[in-house]
Amino acid sequence: MSNNLLSKCQLRQATSRDIWTIRRLVLGAFLDPTQLKVEQFWVIELEGKVIACGQLRTFEQA
């Protein structure tokens, strides 16, 4: 990946406006969309368009 592309990308915490894009990305990856909480997601934008997302969750220790 070129540095030029990386410099154009922006990492940010997802907002409620992003939920449908996140849902589409999750479904496209054949992942479970049933417990999507937008506050657990971060997105990568390129030229104002969300191109990737990641979920960060905290799990209780068993």
N, C-alpha and C. Protein backbone atom coordinates (compact mmCIF):
# COMPACT_ATOMS: atom_id res chain seq x y z
N MET A 1 0.86 -1.17 0.00
CA MET A 1 0.00 0.00 0.00
C MET A 1 0.90 1.23 0.00
N SER A 2 0.61 2.14 -0.87
CA SER A 2 1.47 3.32 -0.98
C SER A 2 1.20 4.32 0.14
N ASN A 3 2.23 5.08 0.48
CA ASN A 3 2.06 6.13 1.49
C ASN A 3 1.04 7.16 1.05
N ASN A 4 0.94 7.39 -0.26
CA ASN A 4 -0.03 8.35 -0.79
C ASN A 4 -1.45 7.93 -0.43
N LEU A 5 -1.77 6.65 -0.60
CA LEU A 5 -3.10 6.15 -0.26
C LEU A 5 -3.34 6.28 1.24
N LEU A 6 -2.34 5.89 2.04
CA LEU A 6 -2.48 5.98 3.50
C LEU A 6 -2.71 7.41 3.95
N SER A 7 -2.07 8.36 3.32
CA SER A 7 -2.23 9.75 3.73
C SER A 7 -3.62 10.28 3.41
N LYS A 8 -4.33 9.63 2.51
CA LYS A 8 -5.68 10.05 2.15
C LYS A 8 -6.76 9.40 3.02
N CYS A 9 -6.37 8.38 3.78
CA CYS A 9 -7.33 7.67 4.63
C CYS A 9 -7.44 8.34 6.00
N GLN A 10 -8.63 8.24 6.57
CA GLN A 10 -8.86 8.79 7.90
C GLN A 10 -9.49 7.71 8.77
N LEU A 11 -8.91 7.45 9.93
CA LEU A 11 -9.46 6.54 10.92
C LEU A 11 -10.23 7.36 11.93
N ARG A 12 -11.47 6.95 12.19
CA ARG A 12 -12.29 7.67 13.17
C ARG A 12 -13.28 6.72 13.82
N GLN A 13 -13.77 7.12 14.97
CA GLN A 13 -14.81 6.35 15.63
C GLN A 13 -16.10 6.50 14.85
N ALA A 14 -16.83 5.41 14.71
CA ALA A 14 -18.09 5.43 13.97
C ALA A 14 -19.14 6.27 14.70
N THR A 15 -20.05 6.81 13.92
CA THR A 15 -21.19 7.54 14.46
C THR A 15 -22.48 6.85 14.01
N SER A 16 -23.59 7.31 14.51
CA SER A 16 -24.87 6.70 14.15
C SER A 16 -25.14 6.78 12.65
N ARG A 17 -24.56 7.76 11.98
CA ARG A 17 -24.73 7.86 10.51
C ARG A 17 -24.08 6.71 9.78
N ASP A 18 -23.14 6.01 10.41
CA ASP A 18 -22.38 4.95 9.76
C ASP A 18 -23.02 3.57 9.88
N ILE A 19 -24.08 3.41 10.65
CA ILE A 19 -24.57 2.07 10.98
C ILE A 19 -24.96 1.26 9.74
N TRP A 20 -25.58 1.87 8.74
CA TRP A 20 -26.00 1.10 7.56
C TRP A 20 -24.80 0.69 6.72
N THR A 21 -23.79 1.52 6.66
CA THR A 21 -22.57 1.14 5.94
C THR A 21 -21.86 0.01 6.68
N ILE A 22 -21.79 0.10 7.99
CA ILE A 22 -21.19 -0.96 8.79
C ILE A 22 -21.96 -2.25 8.60
N ARG A 23 -23.27 -2.18 8.65
CA ARG A 23 -24.12 -3.37 8.46
C ARG A 23 -23.84 -4.01 7.09
N ARG A 24 -23.72 -3.19 6.05
CA ARG A 24 -23.45 -3.70 4.71
C ARG A 24 -22.08 -4.39 4.65
N LEU A 25 -21.08 -3.77 5.26
CA LEU A 25 -19.74 -4.37 5.27
C LEU A 25 -19.72 -5.69 6.06
N VAL A 26 -20.41 -5.73 7.17
CA VAL A 26 -20.47 -6.94 8.00
C VAL A 26 -21.19 -8.06 7.23
N LEU A 27 -22.32 -7.75 6.63
CA LEU A 27 -23.05 -8.76 5.87
C LEU A 27 -22.25 -9.23 4.66
N GLY A 28 -21.52 -8.32 4.02
CA GLY A 28 -20.69 -8.68 2.87
C GLY A 28 -19.56 -9.62 3.23
N ALA A 29 -19.15 -9.60 4.49
CA ALA A 29 -18.09 -10.49 4.96
C ALA A 29 -18.66 -11.76 5.59
N PHE A 30 -19.98 -11.95 5.48
CA PHE A 30 -20.67 -13.12 6.01
C PHE A 30 -20.48 -13.26 7.52
N LEU A 31 -20.49 -12.12 8.22
CA LEU A 31 -20.37 -12.10 9.68
C LEU A 31 -21.74 -11.89 10.30
N ASP A 32 -21.84 -12.13 11.58
CA ASP A 32 -23.11 -12.01 12.31
C ASP A 32 -23.44 -10.54 12.56
N PRO A 33 -24.55 -10.04 11.98
CA PRO A 33 -24.90 -8.63 12.15
C PRO A 33 -25.85 -8.37 13.32
N THR A 34 -26.09 -9.36 14.17
CA THR A 34 -27.15 -9.21 15.17
C THR A 34 -26.78 -8.36 16.38
N GLN A 35 -25.51 -8.17 16.65
CA GLN A 35 -25.13 -7.41 17.84
C GLN A 35 -24.24 -6.22 17.49
N LEU A 36 -24.63 -5.49 16.47
CA LEU A 36 -23.85 -4.33 16.05
C LEU A 36 -24.19 -3.14 16.94
N LYS A 37 -23.19 -2.63 17.62
CA LYS A 37 -23.35 -1.43 18.44
C LYS A 37 -22.37 -0.41 17.90
N VAL A 38 -22.90 0.64 17.32
CA VAL A 38 -22.07 1.60 16.60
C VAL A 38 -20.94 2.16 17.47
N GLU A 39 -21.16 2.27 18.77
CA GLU A 39 -20.12 2.82 19.64
C GLU A 39 -18.92 1.89 19.78
N GLN A 40 -19.02 0.65 19.32
CA GLN A 40 -17.90 -0.30 19.37
C GLN A 40 -17.09 -0.30 18.08
N PHE A 41 -17.48 0.51 17.11
CA PHE A 41 -16.84 0.46 15.79
C PHE A 41 -15.97 1.67 15.50
N TRP A 42 -14.93 1.40 14.72
CA TRP A 42 -14.09 2.41 14.11
C TRP A 42 -14.17 2.21 12.61
N VAL A 43 -14.08 3.27 11.86
CA VAL A 43 -14.16 3.18 10.41
C VAL A 43 -12.95 3.85 9.77
N ILE A 44 -12.65 3.43 8.55
CA ILE A 44 -11.64 4.09 7.73
C ILE A 44 -12.36 4.71 6.55
N GLU A 45 -12.11 6.00 6.36
CA GLU A 45 -12.71 6.74 5.24
C GLU A 45 -11.63 7.06 4.21
N LEU A 46 -12.03 6.99 2.96
CA LEU A 46 -11.18 7.42 1.86
C LEU A 46 -12.02 8.35 1.00
N GLU A 47 -11.58 9.59 0.91
CA GLU A 47 -12.29 10.60 0.14
C GLU A 47 -13.76 10.71 0.55
N GLY A 48 -14.00 10.68 1.86
CA GLY A 48 -15.35 10.86 2.41
C GLY A 48 -16.23 9.63 2.38
N LYS A 49 -15.70 8.48 1.93
CA LYS A 49 -16.50 7.26 1.86
C LYS A 49 -15.90 6.22 2.80
N VAL A 50 -16.75 5.58 3.61
CA VAL A 50 -16.29 4.52 4.52
C VAL A 50 -15.92 3.30 3.67
N ILE A 51 -14.68 2.85 3.81
CA ILE A 51 -14.21 1.70 3.02
C ILE A 51 -13.90 0.48 3.88
N ALA A 52 -13.85 0.65 5.20
CA ALA A 52 -13.56 -0.47 6.09
C ALA A 52 -14.03 -0.13 7.49
N CYS A 53 -14.25 -1.18 8.28
CA CYS A 53 -14.64 -0.96 9.67
C CYS A 53 -14.06 -2.08 10.53
N GLY A 54 -13.96 -1.80 11.81
CA GLY A 54 -13.50 -2.79 12.77
C GLY A 54 -14.24 -2.59 14.08
N GLN A 55 -14.51 -3.68 14.74
CA GLN A 55 -15.23 -3.62 16.01
C GLN A 55 -14.28 -3.95 17.15
N LEU A 56 -14.31 -3.13 18.19
CA LEU A 56 -13.52 -3.35 19.39
C LEU A 56 -14.48 -3.59 20.54
N ARG A 57 -14.40 -4.76 21.12
CA ARG A 57 -15.30 -5.12 22.21
C ARG A 57 -14.50 -5.56 23.43
N THR A 58 -15.09 -5.37 24.59
CA THR A 58 -14.52 -5.84 25.84
C THR A 58 -15.29 -7.08 26.26
N PHE A 59 -14.58 -8.14 26.59
CA PHE A 59 -15.21 -9.38 27.05
C PHE A 59 -14.84 -9.60 28.50
N GLU A 60 -15.81 -10.10 29.25
CA GLU A 60 -15.54 -10.44 30.65
C GLU A 60 -14.71 -11.72 30.67
N GLN A 61 -13.79 -11.79 31.64
CA GLN A 61 -13.01 -13.02 31.78
C GLN A 61 -13.87 -14.09 32.42
N ALA A 62 -13.69 -15.31 31.93
CA ALA A 62 -14.49 -16.45 32.46
C ALA A 62 -13.85 -17.02 33.69
